[in-house]
Protein backbone atom coordinates (compact mmCIF):
# COMPACT_ATOMS: atom_id res chain seq x y z
CA MET A 1 -183.12 78.91 94.36
CA GLN A 2 -183.16 78.39 90.49
CA SER A 3 -182.65 81.21 88.11
CA THR A 4 -185.45 81.97 85.64
CA GLY A 5 -185.01 81.51 82.01
CA ASN A 6 -187.09 84.23 80.30
CA THR A 7 -186.47 87.61 81.58
CA THR A 8 -186.14 90.02 78.75
CA ASN A 9 -188.52 92.37 80.23
CA TYR A 10 -185.53 93.47 82.67
CA PHE A 11 -182.63 95.42 81.48
CA ILE A 12 -179.21 96.81 83.01
CA GLY A 13 -178.54 100.37 81.91
CA TYR A 14 -175.19 102.10 81.83
CA VAL A 15 -174.78 105.99 82.18
CA THR A 16 -171.63 107.46 82.47
CA CYS A 17 -171.22 110.99 84.29
CA PRO A 18 -168.44 113.34 84.91
CA ASN A 19 -168.55 113.77 88.34
CA THR A 20 -170.36 113.02 91.66
CA GLU A 21 -172.75 116.00 91.11
CA VAL A 22 -174.03 114.92 88.13
CA ALA A 23 -173.96 111.17 89.07
CA ASP A 24 -176.04 111.97 92.20
CA LYS A 25 -178.51 114.18 90.42
CA VAL A 26 -179.29 111.65 87.56
CA THR A 27 -179.48 108.66 90.12
CA HIS A 28 -182.09 110.66 92.32
CA ALA A 29 -184.05 111.72 89.37
CA LEU A 30 -184.40 108.09 88.23
CA LEU A 31 -185.11 106.68 91.46
CA ASN A 32 -187.55 109.56 92.71
CA LYS A 33 -189.55 108.93 89.37
CA LYS A 34 -189.59 105.29 90.35
CA LEU A 35 -187.96 104.35 86.55
CA VAL A 36 -185.21 102.28 88.20
CA ALA A 37 -185.02 99.95 91.20
CA CYS A 38 -181.60 100.28 91.65
CA VAL A 39 -178.26 102.55 90.83
CA ASN A 40 -174.75 101.47 91.32
CA GLN A 41 -172.37 104.34 91.03
CA ILE A 42 -168.81 102.88 90.11
CA PRO A 43 -166.23 105.53 90.49
CA LYS A 44 -162.89 106.21 88.64
CA VAL A 45 -163.81 104.37 85.51
CA LYS A 46 -161.36 105.62 82.78
CA SER A 47 -162.95 106.48 79.38
CA TYR A 48 -161.45 106.40 76.05
CA PHE A 49 -163.50 107.94 73.10
CA TRP A 50 -164.03 109.86 69.93
CA TRP A 51 -165.10 113.41 70.47
CA GLU A 52 -164.96 116.37 67.80
CA GLY A 53 -162.42 114.41 65.70
CA LYS A 54 -159.93 113.31 68.20
CA ILE A 55 -159.26 110.69 70.87
CA ASP A 56 -160.20 112.00 74.23
CA THR A 57 -160.13 110.41 77.84
CA GLU A 58 -161.82 111.14 81.13
CA GLU A 59 -162.23 109.73 84.33
CA GLU A 60 -165.99 109.00 85.00
CA ILE A 61 -168.34 107.69 87.26
CA LEU A 62 -170.43 104.65 85.85
CA LEU A 63 -173.92 104.25 86.86
CA MET A 64 -175.20 100.80 86.54
CA ILE A 65 -179.05 100.77 86.80
CA LYS A 66 -181.67 98.09 87.06
CA THR A 67 -184.91 98.50 85.40
CA ARG A 68 -187.62 96.90 83.10
CA SER A 69 -187.67 96.98 79.28
CA GLU A 70 -190.72 99.38 79.22
CA LEU A 71 -189.12 102.29 81.00
CA THR A 72 -186.29 102.62 78.84
CA ASP A 73 -187.39 105.68 76.77
CA LYS A 74 -188.38 107.48 79.84
CA ILE A 75 -184.99 106.88 81.54
CA ILE A 76 -183.08 108.31 78.34
CA ASN A 77 -185.33 111.34 78.53
CA GLU A 78 -184.85 111.66 82.32
CA VAL A 79 -181.00 111.23 81.85
CA GLN A 80 -180.72 113.75 79.02
CA SER A 81 -182.81 116.48 81.27
CA ASN A 82 -180.48 116.14 84.15
CA HIS A 83 -176.99 115.30 82.79
CA SER A 84 -174.20 117.86 81.61
CA TYR A 85 -173.03 116.03 78.78
CA GLN A 86 -174.08 117.21 75.07
CA VAL A 87 -174.30 113.24 74.29
CA PRO A 88 -174.78 111.49 77.43
CA GLU A 89 -174.12 107.72 77.12
CA VAL A 90 -177.53 105.69 78.01
CA ILE A 91 -177.30 102.28 76.85
CA PHE A 92 -179.27 99.11 78.00
CA THR A 93 -178.79 95.46 77.76
CA PRO A 94 -181.36 92.70 78.54
CA ILE A 95 -181.12 90.53 81.64
CA THR A 96 -181.16 87.05 80.18
CA THR A 97 -181.53 85.28 83.55
CA GLY A 98 -181.64 86.16 87.14
CA ASN A 99 -182.67 85.34 90.84
CA PRO A 100 -186.56 85.52 90.41
CA ASP A 101 -186.84 87.18 93.93
CA TYR A 102 -184.49 90.08 92.64
CA LEU A 103 -186.29 90.47 89.17
CA SER A 104 -189.71 90.72 91.01
CA TRP A 105 -188.31 93.32 93.39
CA ILE A 106 -187.35 95.16 90.17
CA THR A 107 -190.71 95.23 89.09
CA SER A 108 -192.13 96.07 92.63
CA ASN A 109 -190.08 99.02 92.78
CA THR A 110 -190.23 100.79 89.32
CA THR A 111 -193.57 102.18 87.83
CA THR A 112 -194.75 102.91 84.39
CA SER A 113 -197.12 105.55 85.17
C-alpha cells in the first residue's frame, strides 16, 4: 500500500496531563464528542518547563491524538473545559503522509457537527 502525499487536513495533537484521572477525563470527552479518532496515553513522560519564573519538572501523561484540522479549535476548548492545568498544553502538528486507509478511518470516526 502506498502512502498519500497531501494529507494536511489531518493532525496529531499533543496534550500533557498530571495524572490518570485527568488524562482519562480528557480522553473520554474528546472521544465521546467524536473530535478525535484515537488517543494514545503515554505514561511517565518527564517534563521540564518554565512556570512562575522558575524551572519546574513534573511526571506527566502525554496524550497523542489523531484528528482533522477543522476540529482543532473545538479540541482546544474541550481540553480547557476538562483539564486541571491553568494553561494546558494543546498543540498540533500536521500529518504530511500516511496510510490512506488509516487517514480515511480518522475521517470516518470524527465529526464536525
